């Protein structure tokens, strides 16, 4: 599968390595720190970074305000291209909907400022404030 191994060569992969290879975190150290901090759960439980990952299991993670639930489809110990990393997991439909709803709420709450006031409008505002 183009660099993604799911055969006997790669039966055991640490959770921190898998998260790094799947490009969920930029470095393996950040992945391990997130696991220790409780931001990652494996099959609904808190685990250590050395937990072995198996195909078909579920990984829940939080990055910033974003929560994702991933189903492991393949194993990899090395970080490859983003196209190959996308083959390592499948995001659950509930997770996709939740993430889209969060994004929509964030964009809806943004206040778009109006145009910059001209000199006359600035002076009128200053009169109102009493400067």
C-alpha atoms as a PDB file:
ATOM      1  CA  UNK A   1       0.000   0.000   0.000  1.00  0.00           C
ATOM      2  CA  UNK A   2       2.584   2.596  -1.031  1.00  0.00           C
ATOM      3  CA  UNK A   3       4.754   2.606   2.068  1.00  0.00           C
ATOM      4  CA  UNK A   4       2.007   1.768   4.526  1.00  0.00           C
ATOM      5  CA  UNK A   5       2.792  -1.513   6.200  1.00  0.00           C
ATOM      6  CA  UNK A   6       0.177  -3.739   7.718  1.00  0.00           C
ATOM      7  CA  UNK A   7       2.077  -7.003   7.459  1.00  0.00           C
ATOM      8  CA  UNK A   8       4.254  -9.010   9.851  1.00  0.00           C
ATOM      9  CA  UNK A   9       7.127  -6.497   9.632  1.00  0.00           C
ATOM     10  CA  UNK A  10       5.006  -3.925  11.422  1.00  0.00           C
ATOM     11  CA  UNK A  11       2.758  -5.857  13.820  1.00  0.00           C
ATOM     12  CA  UNK A  12       3.581  -3.689  16.831  1.00  0.00           C
ATOM     13  CA  UNK A  13       3.724   0.073  16.707  1.00  0.00           C
ATOM     14  CA  UNK A  14       3.802   2.384  19.709  1.00  0.00           C
ATOM     15  CA  UNK A  15       0.922   4.845  19.968  1.00  0.00           C
ATOM     16  CA  UNK A  16       3.211   7.880  19.990  1.00  0.00           C
ATOM     17  CA  UNK A  17       5.002   6.627  16.867  1.00  0.00           C
ATOM     18  CA  UNK A  18       1.724   5.941  15.092  1.00  0.00           C
ATOM     19  CA  UNK A  19       0.317   9.404  15.890  1.00  0.00           C
ATOM     20  CA  UNK A  20       3.525  10.955  14.594  1.00  0.00           C
ATOM     21  CA  UNK A  21       3.494   8.786  11.428  1.00  0.00           C
ATOM     22  CA  UNK A  22      -0.200   9.630  10.855  1.00  0.00           C
ATOM     23  CA  UNK A  23       0.754  13.330  11.055  1.00  0.00           C
ATOM     24  CA  UNK A  24      -1.549  14.080  13.969  1.00  0.00           C
ATOM     25  CA  UNK A  25       1.390  15.692  15.795  1.00  0.00           C
ATOM     26  CA  UNK A  26       4.469  17.382  14.399  1.00  0.00           C
ATOM     27  CA  UNK A  27       6.960  15.479  16.552  1.00  0.00           C
ATOM     28  CA  UNK A  28       6.942  12.224  18.427  1.00  0.00           C
ATOM     29  CA  UNK A  29       7.765  14.093  21.633  1.00  0.00           C
ATOM     30  CA  UNK A  30       4.613  16.233  21.253  1.00  0.00           C
ATOM     31  CA  UNK A  31       2.559  13.076  20.658  1.00  0.00           C
ATOM     32  CA  UNK A  32       3.977  11.467  23.808  1.00  0.00           C
ATOM     33  CA  UNK A  33       3.345  14.636  25.816  1.00  0.00           C
ATOM     34  CA  UNK A  34      -0.284  14.757  24.637  1.00  0.00           C
ATOM     35  CA  UNK A  35      -0.779  11.091  25.568  1.00  0.00           C
ATOM     36  CA  UNK A  36       0.672  11.635  29.049  1.00  0.00           C
ATOM     37  CA  UNK A  37      -1.470  14.762  29.463  1.00  0.00           C
ATOM     38  CA  UNK A  38      -4.688  12.874  28.786  1.00  0.00           C
ATOM     39  CA  UNK A  39      -5.395  14.496  25.417  1.00  0.00           C
ATOM     40  CA  UNK A  40      -5.292  11.101  23.683  1.00  0.00           C
ATOM     41  CA  UNK A  41      -7.335   8.010  24.511  1.00  0.00           C
ATOM     42  CA  UNK A  42      -6.951   4.557  23.006  1.00  0.00           C
ATOM     43  CA  UNK A  43     -10.141   2.470  22.851  1.00  0.00           C
ATOM     44  CA  UNK A  44     -11.751   4.804  25.396  1.00  0.00           C
ATOM     45  CA  UNK A  45      -8.976   4.598  28.001  1.00  0.00           C
ATOM     46  CA  UNK A  46      -5.986   6.681  29.007  1.00  0.00           C
ATOM     47  CA  UNK A  47      -2.797   4.834  28.123  1.00  0.00           C
ATOM     48  CA  UNK A  48       0.953   5.325  28.051  1.00  0.00           C
ATOM     49  CA  UNK A  49       2.866   6.387  24.925  1.00  0.00           C
ATOM     50  CA  UNK A  50       4.315   2.870  24.687  1.00  0.00           C
ATOM     51  CA  UNK A  51       0.858   1.295  24.166  1.00  0.00           C
ATOM     52  CA  UNK A  52       0.842  -0.944  21.068  1.00  0.00           C
ATOM     53  CA  UNK A  53      -1.656   0.037  18.386  1.00  0.00           C
ATOM     54  CA  UNK A  54      -3.677  -2.555  16.503  1.00  0.00           C
ATOM     55  CA  UNK A  55      -5.698  -2.264  13.303  1.00  0.00           C
ATOM     56  CA  UNK A  56      -9.398  -1.596  13.908  1.00  0.00           C
ATOM     57  CA  UNK A  57      -8.898   0.156  17.238  1.00  0.00           C
ATOM     58  CA  UNK A  58     -10.162   3.668  17.978  1.00  0.00           C
ATOM     59  CA  UNK A  59      -8.033   6.669  18.919  1.00  0.00           C
ATOM     60  CA  UNK A  60      -9.622   9.812  20.372  1.00  0.00           C
ATOM     61  CA  UNK A  61      -7.480  12.951  20.424  1.00  0.00           C
ATOM     62  CA  UNK A  62      -7.774  16.633  21.095  1.00  0.00           C
ATOM     63  CA  UNK A  63      -5.605  19.217  19.384  1.00  0.00           C
ATOM     64  CA  UNK A  64      -6.422  22.718  20.607  1.00  0.00           C
ATOM     65  CA  UNK A  65     -10.227  23.050  20.469  1.00  0.00           C
ATOM     66  CA  UNK A  66     -10.541  20.276  17.877  1.00  0.00           C
ATOM     67  CA  UNK A  67     -11.575  16.772  18.910  1.00  0.00           C
ATOM     68  CA  UNK A  68     -11.139  13.858  16.523  1.00  0.00           C
ATOM     69  CA  UNK A  69     -11.986  10.165  16.667  1.00  0.00           C
ATOM     70  CA  UNK A  70      -9.874   8.029  14.339  1.00  0.00           C
ATOM     71  CA  UNK A  71     -10.166   4.366  13.442  1.00  0.00           C
ATOM     72  CA  UNK A  72      -6.782   2.717  12.777  1.00  0.00           C
ATOM     73  CA  UNK A  73      -6.676   1.242   9.240  1.00  0.00           C
ATOM     74  CA  UNK A  74      -2.956   0.520   8.884  1.00  0.00           C
ATOM     75  CA  UNK A  75       0.262   0.681  10.881  1.00  0.00           C
ATOM     76  CA  UNK A  76       3.451   2.578  10.155  1.00  0.00           C
ATOM     77  CA  UNK A  77       6.600   3.299  12.142  1.00  0.00           C
ATOM     78  CA  UNK A  78       8.031   5.912   9.809  1.00  0.00           C
ATOM     79  CA  UNK A  79       6.633   9.263   8.802  1.00  0.00           C
ATOM     80  CA  UNK A  80       5.830   9.399   5.080  1.00  0.00           C
ATOM     81  CA  UNK A  81       4.012  11.858   2.839  1.00  0.00           C
ATOM     82  CA  UNK A  82       0.635  13.296   3.793  1.00  0.00           C
ATOM     83  CA  UNK A  83      -1.138  11.166   1.172  1.00  0.00           C
ATOM     84  CA  UNK A  84       0.275   7.988   2.689  1.00  0.00           C
ATOM     85  CA  UNK A  85      -0.421   9.210   6.232  1.00  0.00           C
ATOM     86  CA  UNK A  86      -4.090   9.705   5.324  1.00  0.00           C
ATOM     87  CA  UNK A  87      -4.303   5.968   4.556  1.00  0.00           C
ATOM     88  CA  UNK A  88      -3.343   5.075   8.129  1.00  0.00           C
ATOM     89  CA  UNK A  89      -6.690   6.090   9.628  1.00  0.00           C
ATOM     90  CA  UNK A  90     -10.294   6.874   8.898  1.00  0.00           C
ATOM     91  CA  UNK A  91     -12.112   9.585  10.821  1.00  0.00           C
ATOM     92  CA  UNK A  92     -15.531   8.579  12.125  1.00  0.00           C
ATOM     93  CA  UNK A  93     -18.551  10.365  10.608  1.00  0.00           C
ATOM     94  CA  UNK A  94     -19.601  11.691  14.032  1.00  0.00           C
ATOM     95  CA  UNK A  95     -16.162  13.215  14.477  1.00  0.00           C
ATOM     96  CA  UNK A  96     -16.315  14.915  11.069  1.00  0.00           C
ATOM     97  CA  UNK A  97     -19.759  16.403  11.803  1.00  0.00           C
ATOM     98  CA  UNK A  98     -18.665  17.591  15.237  1.00  0.00           C
ATOM     99  CA  UNK A  99     -15.537  19.215  13.832  1.00  0.00           C
ATOM    100  CA  UNK A 100     -17.522  20.951  11.071  1.00  0.00           C
ATOM    101  CA  UNK A 101     -20.077  22.254  13.582  1.00  0.00           C
ATOM    102  CA  UNK A 102     -17.294  23.626  15.776  1.00  0.00           C
ATOM    103  CA  UNK A 103     -15.716  25.335  12.771  1.00  0.00           C
ATOM    104  CA  UNK A 104     -19.048  26.845  11.706  1.00  0.00           C
ATOM    105  CA  UNK A 105     -19.678  28.201  15.219  1.00  0.00           C
ATOM    106  CA  UNK A 106     -16.198  29.698  15.355  1.00  0.00           C
ATOM    107  CA  UNK A 107     -16.603  31.479  12.018  1.00  0.00           C
ATOM    108  CA  UNK A 108     -20.119  32.680  12.899  1.00  0.00           C
ATOM    109  CA  UNK A 109     -18.884  34.250  16.132  1.00  0.00           C
ATOM    110  CA  UNK A 110     -16.208  36.322  14.432  1.00  0.00           C
ATOM    111  CA  UNK A 111     -16.979  40.042  14.342  1.00  0.00           C
ATOM    112  CA  UNK A 112     -16.073  41.561  11.026  1.00  0.00           C
ATOM    113  CA  UNK A 113     -14.921  45.134  11.543  1.00  0.00           C
ATOM    114  CA  UNK A 114     -16.342  47.874   9.373  1.00  0.00           C
ATOM    115  CA  UNK A 115     -14.292  50.167   7.174  1.00  0.00           C
ATOM    116  CA  UNK A 116     -11.747  52.499   8.732  1.00  0.00           C
ATOM    117  CA  UNK A 117     -13.363  55.804   9.747  1.00  0.00           C
ATOM    118  CA  UNK A 118     -12.359  58.899   7.801  1.00  0.00           C
ATOM    119  CA  UNK A 119     -11.139  62.130   9.382  1.00  0.00           C
ATOM    120  CA  UNK A 120     -14.630  63.618   9.794  1.00  0.00           C
ATOM    121  CA  UNK A 121     -16.028  60.463  11.445  1.00  0.00           C
ATOM    122  CA  UNK A 122     -13.060  60.283  13.825  1.00  0.00           C
ATOM    123  CA  UNK A 123     -13.657  63.897  14.937  1.00  0.00           C
ATOM    124  CA  UNK A 124     -17.352  63.195  15.479  1.00  0.00           C
ATOM    125  CA  UNK A 125     -16.503  60.191  17.655  1.00  0.00           C
ATOM    126  CA  UNK A 126     -14.021  62.255  19.624  1.00  0.00           C
ATOM    127  CA  UNK A 127     -16.726  64.874  20.301  1.00  0.00           C
ATOM    128  CA  UNK A 128     -19.051  62.192  21.618  1.00  0.00           C
ATOM    129  CA  UNK A 129     -16.378  60.784  23.930  1.00  0.00           C
ATOM    130  CA  UNK A 130     -15.492  64.278  25.104  1.00  0.00           C
ATOM    131  CA  UNK A 131     -11.871  64.593  24.134  1.00  0.00           C
END
